Structures are given as structure tokens and as C-alpha cells.
Amino acid sequence: MSRSRVFSVALSSAVIVVLVGCSTGGAEAGADARAPSPPSTTTEPTTTPAEPSRNSPSPTPTPSKPSTRTQTASLTIPEIGLNGLRVVPYEGTTDDWPGTQIQNEGVAASPYGSRGGVGPGEIGNYLVTAHRLSAGGPLRDLPALDKGDTVTVTSGGTVYEYEITDTRSTSFRSERSLAEQRAAVPGHPGRQPTEAMITISTCATPEDDAAGNFWRDDKGNPEHRIDKIGVLTSTSPAAT
């Protein structure tokens, strides 16, 4: 082989090497120009709400006023000379057996619950029943009570004053009549009450006997009862 041929081969090899190097470098540069920048992986720091200190005092609940419907009360009616008649609450309805047994002790009975009334001062019908002739006859003079007269009920350190607004008659032989007596608004079953009311009830034995009506139920009650209806007019602290 002549020297000139060898040199040509060597030169060609050198050129090939150079071209390969440029081709590789150009591909990398093109790739860099076209490739988008990777998205940032930096995130905003999250803040975890601090838990309340275990040593922080809990809020003190506001005590609720107890219902008066389960508390023994006393009834005073100055116009008929009645002073401090004990009124015993019980769960039931007017003049049922538990209520009659309470009345037989010479005190008044006040039913509450789904078939009874509310407590003194509460919105609705506060029911009070007592004997007129037997067991000392605490309500013997109730029929003499007139519209505008006042009655007071003392319960739980509060005096509730009612004013008599109406007189009604209840028949033990009429479910409708009994429903009217026991209604949240006396005389109006199903009506929504908006004020505190009272129904004071006793037997109409002398009136029924005078009319020749000697019917009695299994507890000895005559057919009719006399009911005095009142509306709450004021409340005040009881004297200590």
C-alpha cells in the first residue's frame, strides 16, 4: 500500500469519528430544546389545627329549671276561705283510681302526663281536683267562686296567681265532656294552648241529687262535676 492511500484511510477514519461525535451532540441538544421542564414537586405546607388542650376547662352547662308538674303545691282561694290546700301530683287523668285515692286523704290531686295536664305556671291546663263533701270537703264552697276572683298556687318557691274566667260542667257519662275538661285549652280539645290556665274541679253531688239524678260511677262519683277555669295573671317569689 502506498503512503498516500494509508493517509487517506486514516483521514477518513478521523472524519468519521468527528461526524459521529457531532451527530450525537446534535441529537442531545435537540432533545433538550424540545423537552418540557419537569413540573415542580414543591407543595404548600399543610397546617393541622391544634387540638384543644386536655387541661382546658369544659364549658359549664346552664342548669334547666325543673318542671313544676311533678312538685307538690299548695292551693289558696281567699274568697271561699281555703288556705294552703296540699296539691299532690301524679301521672294519670282526672278522677281515676290513683287520683281518687289521693282525694280520699283530704287533699287535692293534680294529674299530669299524656292523659293529664301541666304543672302550675306552665302553658296549658293545670288540673286540680278535690272532694266537696267527703274527706273533709276541702272544695265544699267552690261553686261560689265567681268570675274575676283569684286563686294562688305556690310551688317550687314561686307563687302563681290565676284569675277565674269561666265556669263549666263536666259529665262523667260523656267522653266528649271529659275530653273538654282535660283539654290543653279547657273546652276546646285539639286547640294549641298559648297561655297558662287552671281547672279546679269538684263534684256536683248536691245539685245532681236535687235534680233527681242519683247515678254514680264505680268510684262513687255523681254524673256531674263543677269546674272553675282560670288564667295565669302573675308570678312572684314565695315568701321565705
Protein backbone atom coordinates (compact mmCIF):
# COMPACT_ATOMS: atom_id res chain seq x y z
CA MET A 1 0.00 0.00 0.00
CA SER A 2 1.36 3.47 -0.92
CA ARG A 3 1.73 6.15 1.75
CA SER A 4 -0.89 8.38 0.20
CA ARG A 5 -3.54 5.67 0.46
CA VAL A 6 -2.82 4.96 4.03
CA PHE A 7 -3.11 8.61 4.88
CA SER A 8 -6.43 8.85 3.14
CA VAL A 9 -7.82 5.99 5.14
CA ALA A 10 -6.60 7.45 8.35
CA LEU A 11 -8.06 10.80 7.48
CA SER A 12 -11.38 9.23 6.59
CA SER A 13 -11.45 7.43 9.90
CA ALA A 14 -10.75 10.67 11.66
CA VAL A 15 -13.57 12.38 9.79
CA ILE A 16 -15.96 9.58 10.65
CA VAL A 17 -15.08 9.87 14.28
CA VAL A 18 -15.68 13.59 14.24
CA LEU A 19 -19.00 13.24 12.42
CA VAL A 20 -20.24 10.62 14.87
CA GLY A 21 -19.36 12.88 17.74
CA CYS A 22 -21.24 15.88 16.24
CA SER A 23 -24.28 13.74 15.37
CA THR A 24 -24.53 12.54 18.99
CA GLY A 25 -24.10 16.00 20.39
CA GLY A 26 -26.72 17.46 17.97
CA ALA A 27 -29.32 14.86 18.99
CA GLU A 28 -28.85 15.67 22.66
CA ALA A 29 -29.15 19.40 22.01
CA GLY A 30 -32.36 18.89 20.03
CA ALA A 31 -33.83 16.75 22.76
CA ASP A 32 -33.00 19.39 25.36
CA ALA A 33 -34.69 22.08 23.27
CA ARG A 34 -37.90 20.11 22.81
CA ALA A 35 -38.32 18.51 26.28
CA PRO A 36 -40.57 20.50 28.67
CA SER A 37 -39.33 21.34 32.11
CA PRO A 38 -40.50 18.82 34.70
CA PRO A 39 -43.32 20.10 36.92
CA SER A 40 -42.35 21.39 40.31
CA THR A 41 -42.91 18.91 43.11
CA THR A 42 -42.87 21.59 45.79
CA THR A 43 -46.22 21.68 47.73
CA GLU A 44 -47.61 24.22 50.14
CA PRO A 45 -47.18 23.16 53.76
CA THR A 46 -50.41 21.94 55.35
CA THR A 47 -51.41 23.26 58.73
CA THR A 48 -53.05 20.83 61.15
CA PRO A 49 -55.44 22.51 63.58
CA ALA A 50 -54.10 22.35 67.05
CA GLU A 51 -56.06 20.05 69.32
CA PRO A 52 -57.53 21.74 72.36
CA SER A 53 -55.55 21.26 75.47
CA ARG A 54 -56.74 18.39 77.58
CA ASN A 55 -56.36 20.67 80.55
CA SER A 56 -58.76 23.29 79.12
CA PRO A 57 -61.90 23.56 81.29
CA SER A 58 -65.14 22.31 79.68
CA PRO A 59 -67.98 24.83 79.38
CA THR A 60 -70.35 24.68 82.33
CA PRO A 61 -73.89 23.69 81.22
CA THR A 62 -76.69 26.04 82.19
CA PRO A 63 -78.94 24.28 84.70
CA SER A 64 -82.52 23.92 83.49
CA LYS A 65 -85.42 24.85 85.73
CA PRO A 66 -87.23 21.69 86.89
CA SER A 67 -90.81 21.22 85.76
CA THR A 68 -93.43 22.13 88.34
CA ARG A 69 -95.74 19.32 87.23
CA THR A 70 -94.07 16.75 89.49
CA GLN A 71 -93.75 19.01 92.54
CA THR A 72 -96.23 19.15 95.40
CA ALA A 73 -98.01 22.51 95.51
CA SER A 74 -100.47 24.35 97.72
CA LEU A 75 -103.73 25.99 96.68
CA THR A 76 -105.22 29.10 98.30
CA ILE A 77 -108.63 30.61 97.45
CA PRO A 78 -109.31 33.57 99.76
CA GLU A 79 -112.91 34.07 98.52
CA ILE A 80 -114.01 30.70 99.93
CA GLY A 81 -111.69 30.61 102.95
CA LEU A 82 -109.36 27.96 101.53
CA ASN A 83 -105.76 28.39 102.63
CA GLY A 84 -102.83 26.17 101.65
CA LEU A 85 -104.64 23.03 100.45
CA ARG A 86 -101.97 20.48 99.56
CA VAL A 87 -101.98 19.51 95.86
CA VAL A 88 -100.35 16.15 95.10
CA PRO A 89 -99.21 15.49 91.50
CA TYR A 90 -99.49 12.05 89.94
CA GLU A 91 -99.29 10.58 86.45
CA GLY A 92 -102.79 9.81 85.24
CA THR A 93 -106.07 11.53 84.44
CA THR A 94 -108.73 13.38 86.41
CA ASP A 95 -110.64 11.31 88.97
CA ASP A 96 -109.08 7.95 88.04
CA TRP A 97 -108.38 5.48 90.86
CA PRO A 98 -104.96 6.94 91.85
CA GLY A 99 -106.42 10.45 91.80
CA THR A 100 -109.47 9.41 93.83
CA GLN A 101 -107.26 7.74 96.45
CA ILE A 102 -105.28 10.98 96.82
CA GLN A 103 -108.51 12.98 97.22
CA ASN A 104 -109.72 10.48 99.84
CA GLU A 105 -106.83 11.67 102.03
CA GLY A 106 -108.40 15.12 102.23
CA VAL A 107 -106.02 16.81 99.78
CA ALA A 108 -106.20 17.79 96.12
CA ALA A 109 -104.90 15.71 93.22
CA SER A 110 -103.24 17.00 90.05
CA PRO A 111 -102.79 14.57 87.14
CA TYR A 112 -100.06 15.10 84.57
CA GLY A 113 -98.72 13.21 81.56
CA SER A 114 -100.25 12.18 78.24
CA ARG A 115 -103.74 11.93 79.78
CA GLY A 116 -103.38 14.71 82.30
CA GLY A 117 -102.37 18.35 82.45
CA VAL A 118 -99.34 20.52 83.05
CA GLY A 119 -97.77 21.99 86.17
CA PRO A 120 -98.60 25.36 87.75
CA GLY A 121 -97.40 28.27 85.64
CA GLU A 122 -96.84 26.13 82.54
CA ILE A 123 -98.55 26.72 79.21
CA GLY A 124 -101.63 24.52 79.06
CA ASN A 125 -104.22 23.27 81.56
CA TYR A 126 -103.23 22.78 85.20
CA LEU A 127 -105.81 20.31 86.55
CA VAL A 128 -106.72 20.25 90.27
CA THR A 129 -109.45 18.02 91.72
CA ALA A 130 -110.65 17.56 95.32
CA HIS A 131 -113.71 16.34 97.22
CA ARG A 132 -116.60 18.61 98.05
CA LEU A 133 -118.41 16.55 100.71
CA SER A 134 -116.21 13.64 101.85
CA ALA A 135 -112.68 13.62 103.31
CA GLY A 136 -113.25 16.98 104.98
CA GLY A 137 -114.79 18.55 101.87
CA PRO A 138 -111.93 20.97 101.06
CA LEU A 139 -113.77 22.33 97.98
CA ARG A 140 -117.26 22.44 99.53
CA ASP A 141 -117.66 26.13 98.60
CA LEU A 142 -116.03 26.04 95.17
CA PRO A 143 -119.34 26.69 93.31
CA ALA A 144 -119.49 30.14 94.98
CA LEU A 145 -116.34 31.24 93.16
CA ASP A 146 -117.14 34.00 90.65
CA LYS A 147 -115.55 35.40 87.52
CA GLY A 148 -112.76 37.80 88.47
CA ASP A 149 -111.92 36.03 91.77
CA THR A 150 -108.31 35.00 92.29
CA VAL A 151 -106.66 31.74 93.30
CA THR A 152 -102.99 31.22 94.04
CA VAL A 153 -100.80 28.16 93.68
CA THR A 154 -97.44 28.01 95.42
CA SER A 155 -94.86 25.59 94.03
CA GLY A 156 -91.07 25.44 93.92
CA GLY A 157 -90.60 28.81 95.63
CA THR A 158 -92.95 30.66 93.25
CA VAL A 159 -96.49 31.94 93.70
CA TYR A 160 -98.71 31.66 90.62
CA GLU A 161 -101.85 33.81 90.63
CA TYR A 162 -104.81 32.92 88.43
CA GLU A 163 -107.99 34.85 87.74
CA ILE A 164 -111.25 32.94 87.33
CA THR A 165 -112.69 33.49 83.85
CA ASP A 166 -115.34 30.80 83.39
CA THR A 167 -117.45 28.04 84.97
CA ARG A 168 -118.03 24.73 83.20
CA SER A 169 -119.91 21.49 83.90
CA THR A 170 -118.35 18.10 83.17
CA SER A 171 -120.32 14.88 82.75
CA PHE A 172 -118.69 11.57 83.69
CA ARG A 173 -121.08 9.87 81.28
CA SER A 174 -119.82 11.78 78.24
CA GLU A 175 -116.38 11.12 76.75
CA ARG A 176 -116.67 14.38 74.84
CA SER A 177 -117.35 16.31 78.04
CA LEU A 178 -114.39 14.66 79.79
CA ALA A 179 -112.16 15.47 76.81
CA GLU A 180 -113.21 19.13 77.05
CA GLN A 181 -112.37 19.22 80.75
CA ARG A 182 -108.93 17.69 80.24
CA ALA A 183 -108.03 19.59 77.05
CA ALA A 184 -104.93 21.79 76.96
CA VAL A 185 -107.35 24.67 76.35
CA PRO A 186 -110.36 23.88 78.59
CA GLY A 187 -113.47 23.27 76.50
CA HIS A 188 -111.53 23.04 73.23
CA PRO A 189 -109.92 19.62 72.58
CA GLY A 190 -107.18 19.79 69.97
CA ARG A 191 -106.62 23.53 70.24
CA GLN A 192 -102.99 24.62 70.76
CA PRO A 193 -102.59 26.39 74.12
CA THR A 194 -100.94 29.81 74.24
CA GLU A 195 -101.30 30.66 77.91
CA ALA A 196 -101.17 29.06 81.35
CA MET A 197 -104.61 28.07 82.63
CA ILE A 198 -106.10 26.21 85.59
CA THR A 199 -109.15 23.96 86.03
CA ILE A 200 -110.30 23.41 89.63
CA SER A 201 -112.90 20.65 89.78
CA THR A 202 -115.19 19.14 92.41
CA CYS A 203 -118.36 17.04 92.43
CA ALA A 204 -121.88 18.36 91.85
CA THR A 205 -123.48 15.82 94.18
CA PRO A 206 -125.99 18.19 95.87
CA GLU A 207 -127.06 19.62 92.50
CA ASP A 208 -127.47 16.17 90.88
CA ASP A 209 -129.39 14.83 93.89
CA ALA A 210 -131.67 17.86 93.88
CA ALA A 211 -132.40 17.19 90.21
CA GLY A 212 -133.20 13.53 90.95
CA ASN A 213 -130.02 12.27 89.27
CA PHE A 214 -128.62 9.61 91.59
CA TRP A 215 -126.28 7.97 89.06
CA ARG A 216 -122.85 7.07 90.43
CA ASP A 217 -119.73 5.60 88.82
CA ASP A 218 -117.68 2.75 90.31
CA LYS A 219 -115.79 5.26 92.50
CA GLY A 220 -118.94 6.85 93.90
CA ASN A 221 -118.72 9.99 91.76
CA PRO A 222 -122.00 11.58 90.62
CA GLU A 223 -122.52 12.31 86.96
CA HIS A 224 -121.54 15.95 87.02
CA ARG A 225 -118.61 17.99 88.23
CA ILE A 226 -118.31 21.75 88.62
CA ASP A 227 -115.18 23.23 87.06
CA LYS A 228 -113.77 26.69 87.64
CA ILE A 229 -111.45 27.89 84.87
CA GLY A 230 -108.75 30.49 85.41
CA VAL A 231 -105.92 32.22 83.53
CA LEU A 232 -102.47 32.99 84.93
CA THR A 233 -102.10 36.71 85.60
CA SER A 234 -98.86 36.98 87.58
CA THR A 235 -95.98 35.17 89.25
CA SER A 236 -93.92 36.23 92.25
CA PRO A 237 -91.36 34.73 94.64
CA ALA A 238 -92.86 32.90 97.59
CA ALA A 239 -92.33 34.47 100.99
CA THR A 240 -89.49 32.87 102.93
